[in-house]
Amino acid sequence: MLRLIFLLFAAHAVCDYPLQGDFLAKGKNRHTPIPGIPWYQCLTAHALIQAGAVYLITGSLILGALELILHWIADFAKCEGWTNLNQDQAFHYLCKLVWAWSAIYFVLP
């Protein structure tokens, strides 16, 4: 389980920082969109990158889909100002703990 947690945490850090980049970080916020690029496309692309990492690590399409949905909602909430960066990151890492536990007890056996 520690290996899965480490991989999911590391993948999250890579996907949320260098792979997100300035373009997606700014473009996913509906209050500061990039002209000509719908904000929801940027937000969905970012959440899909995260979901792909969860799928690749756990081998579970269901966990990848849950990551897509929950990451999208969490980042939308952050962009709306309903949560701050620390709350957003705590939620993301909590999800990764749940994915690791689920993968060990439901997906991998």
Protein backbone atom coordinates (compact mmCIF):
# COMPACT_ATOMS: atom_id res chain seq x y z
CA MET A 1 0.00 0.00 0.00
CA LEU A 2 2.86 2.41 0.75
CA ARG A 3 4.14 1.94 -2.79
CA LEU A 4 0.74 2.89 -4.23
CA ILE A 5 0.43 5.91 -1.94
CA PHE A 6 3.92 7.07 -2.91
CA LEU A 7 3.18 6.65 -6.63
CA LEU A 8 -0.20 8.40 -6.40
CA PHE A 9 1.23 11.29 -4.36
CA ALA A 10 4.20 11.68 -6.73
CA ALA A 11 1.95 11.54 -9.80
CA HIS A 12 -0.34 14.14 -8.26
CA ALA A 13 2.59 16.49 -7.66
CA VAL A 14 3.79 16.09 -11.25
CA CYS A 15 0.30 16.45 -12.74
CA ASP A 16 -0.74 19.39 -10.54
CA TYR A 17 2.40 21.46 -11.00
CA PRO A 18 4.65 20.96 -14.08
CA LEU A 19 2.06 19.16 -16.24
CA GLN A 20 -0.65 21.68 -15.42
CA GLY A 21 1.48 24.66 -16.34
CA ASP A 22 0.47 28.28 -16.51
CA PHE A 23 -1.88 27.75 -19.46
CA LEU A 24 -4.18 25.27 -17.72
CA ALA A 25 -3.80 26.90 -14.30
CA LYS A 26 -5.13 30.20 -15.66
CA GLY A 27 -7.43 28.80 -18.33
CA LYS A 28 -9.40 26.54 -15.98
CA ASN A 29 -10.71 29.47 -13.94
CA ARG A 30 -13.97 30.79 -15.42
CA HIS A 31 -13.30 34.18 -13.84
CA THR A 32 -9.97 34.64 -15.68
CA PRO A 33 -10.33 32.60 -18.87
CA ILE A 34 -7.93 32.67 -21.77
CA PRO A 35 -9.64 34.48 -24.67
CA GLY A 36 -11.03 32.01 -27.19
CA ILE A 37 -10.49 28.97 -24.94
CA PRO A 38 -13.47 27.76 -22.92
CA TRP A 39 -12.51 27.48 -19.23
CA TYR A 40 -14.30 24.15 -18.87
CA GLN A 41 -12.06 22.61 -21.55
CA CYS A 42 -8.95 23.58 -19.57
CA LEU A 43 -10.44 22.36 -16.30
CA THR A 44 -11.51 19.07 -17.88
CA ALA A 45 -8.12 18.58 -19.53
CA HIS A 46 -6.36 19.10 -16.19
CA ALA A 47 -8.70 16.71 -14.37
CA LEU A 48 -8.27 14.17 -17.18
CA ILE A 49 -4.48 14.29 -16.81
CA GLN A 50 -4.92 13.52 -13.12
CA ALA A 51 -7.44 10.76 -13.89
CA GLY A 52 -5.07 9.18 -16.40
CA ALA A 53 -2.34 9.02 -13.78
CA VAL A 54 -4.67 7.34 -11.28
CA TYR A 55 -5.75 4.82 -13.92
CA LEU A 56 -2.16 4.05 -14.95
CA ILE A 57 -1.07 3.49 -11.35
CA THR A 58 -4.10 1.57 -10.04
CA GLY A 59 -5.26 -0.15 -13.23
CA SER A 60 -8.82 0.84 -12.35
CA LEU A 61 -11.00 2.71 -14.81
CA ILE A 62 -13.51 3.32 -12.00
CA LEU A 63 -10.91 4.99 -9.79
CA GLY A 64 -9.70 7.02 -12.77
CA ALA A 65 -13.27 8.15 -13.47
CA LEU A 66 -13.82 9.06 -9.81
CA GLU A 67 -10.58 11.06 -9.87
CA LEU A 68 -11.75 12.90 -13.00
CA ILE A 69 -15.04 13.89 -11.37
CA LEU A 70 -13.72 14.76 -7.91
CA HIS A 71 -10.63 16.59 -9.19
CA TRP A 72 -12.84 18.66 -11.51
CA ILE A 73 -15.22 19.56 -8.67
CA ALA A 74 -12.39 20.35 -6.22
CA ASP A 75 -10.58 22.62 -8.67
CA PHE A 76 -13.83 24.34 -9.66
CA ALA A 77 -14.49 25.03 -5.96
CA LYS A 78 -10.98 26.47 -5.58
CA CYS A 79 -11.43 28.70 -8.63
CA GLU A 80 -14.75 29.93 -7.22
CA GLY A 81 -13.04 30.86 -3.96
CA TRP A 82 -15.05 28.33 -1.95
CA THR A 83 -11.82 26.65 -0.85
CA ASN A 84 -8.22 27.75 -0.71
CA LEU A 85 -5.10 26.10 -2.14
CA ASN A 86 -4.30 24.21 1.06
CA GLN A 87 -7.82 22.81 1.37
CA ASP A 88 -7.77 21.87 -2.32
CA GLN A 89 -4.48 20.02 -1.98
CA ALA A 90 -5.57 18.28 1.22
CA PHE A 91 -8.68 17.01 -0.55
CA HIS A 92 -6.64 15.77 -3.52
CA TYR A 93 -4.23 13.86 -1.29
CA LEU A 94 -7.11 12.43 0.75
CA CYS A 95 -8.58 11.12 -2.51
CA LYS A 96 -5.24 9.50 -3.34
CA LEU A 97 -5.28 7.70 0.02
CA VAL A 98 -8.79 6.42 -0.73
CA TRP A 99 -7.71 5.29 -4.23
CA ALA A 100 -4.72 3.40 -2.77
CA TRP A 101 -6.90 1.69 -0.16
CA SER A 102 -9.57 0.87 -2.76
CA ALA A 103 -7.00 -0.49 -5.19
CA ILE A 104 -5.49 -2.78 -2.55
CA TYR A 105 -8.75 -4.11 -1.17
CA PHE A 106 -11.06 -4.08 -4.22
CA VAL A 107 -9.17 -3.71 -7.49
CA LEU A 108 -5.90 -5.66 -7.20
CA PRO A 109 -7.01 -8.93 -5.52
